[in-house]
C-alpha atoms as a PDB file:
ATOM      1  CA  MET A   1       0.000   0.000   0.000  1.00  0.00           C
ATOM      2  CA  ALA A   2       1.263   3.459  -0.896  1.00  0.00           C
ATOM      3  CA  ALA A   3       2.046   6.039   1.769  1.00  0.00           C
ATOM      4  CA  SER A   4      -0.740   8.494   2.561  1.00  0.00           C
ATOM      5  CA  ILE A   5      -0.786  12.145   3.602  1.00  0.00           C
ATOM      6  CA  ASN A   6      -1.126  11.034   7.219  1.00  0.00           C
ATOM      7  CA  ASP A   7       1.853   8.699   6.791  1.00  0.00           C
ATOM      8  CA  LEU A   8       3.890  11.735   5.720  1.00  0.00           C
ATOM      9  CA  ARG A   9       2.674  13.680   8.760  1.00  0.00           C
ATOM     10  CA  ASP A  10       3.694  10.786  11.014  1.00  0.00           C
ATOM     11  CA  LYS A  11       7.081  10.631   9.311  1.00  0.00           C
ATOM     12  CA  GLU A  12       7.618  14.361   9.849  1.00  0.00           C
ATOM     13  CA  PHE A  13       6.434  14.288  13.480  1.00  0.00           C
ATOM     14  CA  SER A  14       8.812  11.415  14.216  1.00  0.00           C
ATOM     15  CA  GLY A  15      11.715  13.646  13.239  1.00  0.00           C
ATOM     16  CA  SER A  16      12.396  12.353   9.732  1.00  0.00           C
ATOM     17  CA  ARG A  17      13.109  14.815   6.974  1.00  0.00           C
ATOM     18  CA  LEU A  18      10.618  15.004   4.131  1.00  0.00           C
ATOM     19  CA  SER A  19      11.661  15.296   0.524  1.00  0.00           C
ATOM     20  CA  PRO A  20      10.674  18.473  -1.345  1.00  0.00           C
ATOM     21  CA  GLU A  21       7.942  16.493  -3.151  1.00  0.00           C
ATOM     22  CA  GLU A  22       6.564  15.117   0.113  1.00  0.00           C
ATOM     23  CA  ARG A  23       6.563  18.606   1.637  1.00  0.00           C
ATOM     24  CA  ALA A  24       4.774  19.963  -1.466  1.00  0.00           C
ATOM     25  CA  ALA A  25       2.129  17.224  -1.240  1.00  0.00           C
ATOM     26  CA  LEU A  26       1.427  18.105   2.404  1.00  0.00           C
ATOM     27  CA  SER A  27       1.167  21.781   1.566  1.00  0.00           C
ATOM     28  CA  ASN A  28      -1.130  21.073  -1.391  1.00  0.00           C
ATOM     29  CA  PHE A  29      -3.367  18.830   0.699  1.00  0.00           C
ATOM     30  CA  ASP A  30      -3.623  21.456   3.445  1.00  0.00           C
ATOM     31  CA  ARG A  31      -4.520  24.126   0.900  1.00  0.00           C
ATOM     32  CA  TYR A  32      -7.084  21.790  -0.705  1.00  0.00           C
ATOM     33  CA  ARG A  33      -8.575  20.930   2.705  1.00  0.00           C
ATOM     34  CA  LEU A  34      -8.907  24.596   3.665  1.00  0.00           C
ATOM     35  CA  ASN A  35     -10.517  25.483   0.327  1.00  0.00           C
ATOM     36  CA  VAL A  36     -13.048  22.668   0.657  1.00  0.00           C
ATOM     37  CA  LEU A  37     -13.954  23.449   4.251  1.00  0.00           C
ATOM     38  CA  ASN A  38     -13.982  27.239   3.893  1.00  0.00           C
ATOM     39  CA  SER A  39     -16.345  27.028   0.935  1.00  0.00           C
ATOM     40  CA  GLU A  40     -19.008  25.165   2.907  1.00  0.00           C
ATOM     41  CA  THR A  41     -21.695  27.242   4.645  1.00  0.00           C
ATOM     42  CA  ASN A  42     -23.947  24.409   5.809  1.00  0.00           C
ATOM     43  CA  GLU A  43     -22.773  22.916   9.112  1.00  0.00           C
ATOM     44  CA  GLU A  44     -23.967  19.390   8.347  1.00  0.00           C
ATOM     45  CA  LYS A  45     -22.238  19.387   4.947  1.00  0.00           C
ATOM     46  CA  PHE A  46     -19.124  20.859   6.538  1.00  0.00           C
ATOM     47  CA  HIS A  47     -18.875  17.922   8.944  1.00  0.00           C
ATOM     48  CA  TYR A  48     -19.528  15.450   6.136  1.00  0.00           C
ATOM     49  CA  LYS A  49     -16.746  16.975   4.028  1.00  0.00           C
ATOM     50  CA  TYR A  50     -14.453  17.042   7.055  1.00  0.00           C
ATOM     51  CA  ARG A  51     -14.919  13.284   7.482  1.00  0.00           C
ATOM     52  CA  GLN A  52     -14.350  12.734   3.766  1.00  0.00           C
ATOM     53  CA  LEU A  53     -11.079  14.647   3.983  1.00  0.00           C
ATOM     54  CA  GLN A  54      -9.978  12.497   6.914  1.00  0.00           C
ATOM     55  CA  VAL A  55     -10.558   9.379   4.825  1.00  0.00           C
ATOM     56  CA  ILE A  56      -8.669  10.892   1.892  1.00  0.00           C
ATOM     57  CA  ALA A  57      -5.732  11.796   4.151  1.00  0.00           C
ATOM     58  CA  ASN A  58      -5.639   8.242   5.512  1.00  0.00           C
ATOM     59  CA  LEU A  59      -6.113   6.266   2.304  1.00  0.00           C
ATOM     60  CA  SER A  60      -5.010   8.279  -0.722  1.00  0.00           C
ATOM     61  CA  ASP A  61      -1.496   8.038  -2.094  1.00  0.00           C
ATOM     62  CA  TRP A  62       0.292  11.262  -1.163  1.00  0.00           C
ATOM     63  CA  LYS A  63       1.559  11.589  -4.736  1.00  0.00           C
ATOM     64  CA  GLU A  64      -1.984  12.380  -5.861  1.00  0.00           C
ATOM     65  CA  PHE A  65      -1.563  15.765  -4.203  1.00  0.00           C
ATOM     66  CA  LEU A  66       1.265  16.691  -6.532  1.00  0.00           C
ATOM     67  CA  HIS A  67      -1.269  16.991  -9.397  1.00  0.00           C
ATOM     68  CA  GLU A  68      -3.090  20.197 -10.178  1.00  0.00           C
ATOM     69  CA  ASN A  69      -6.546  18.589 -10.560  1.00  0.00           C
ATOM     70  CA  PHE A  70      -7.206  18.993  -6.831  1.00  0.00           C
ATOM     71  CA  PHE A  71      -7.228  22.777  -7.155  1.00  0.00           C
ATOM     72  CA  GLN A  72      -9.631  23.268 -10.028  1.00  0.00           C
END
């Protein structure tokens, strides 16, 4: 199984250095997460999207966040 965004966070918190690509993926995911959550005005939908983002951070390959399609 490929490493996820949360795997990268764990790696960083444990004191390991991240590569520039890994650091970029974390930054892109954080920006994506903030855009998604800040655009939601309905509290119920906000919480639903928050849970979706948690699943994405746990299961998606971190390399997916190097692509621009997450920001369109």
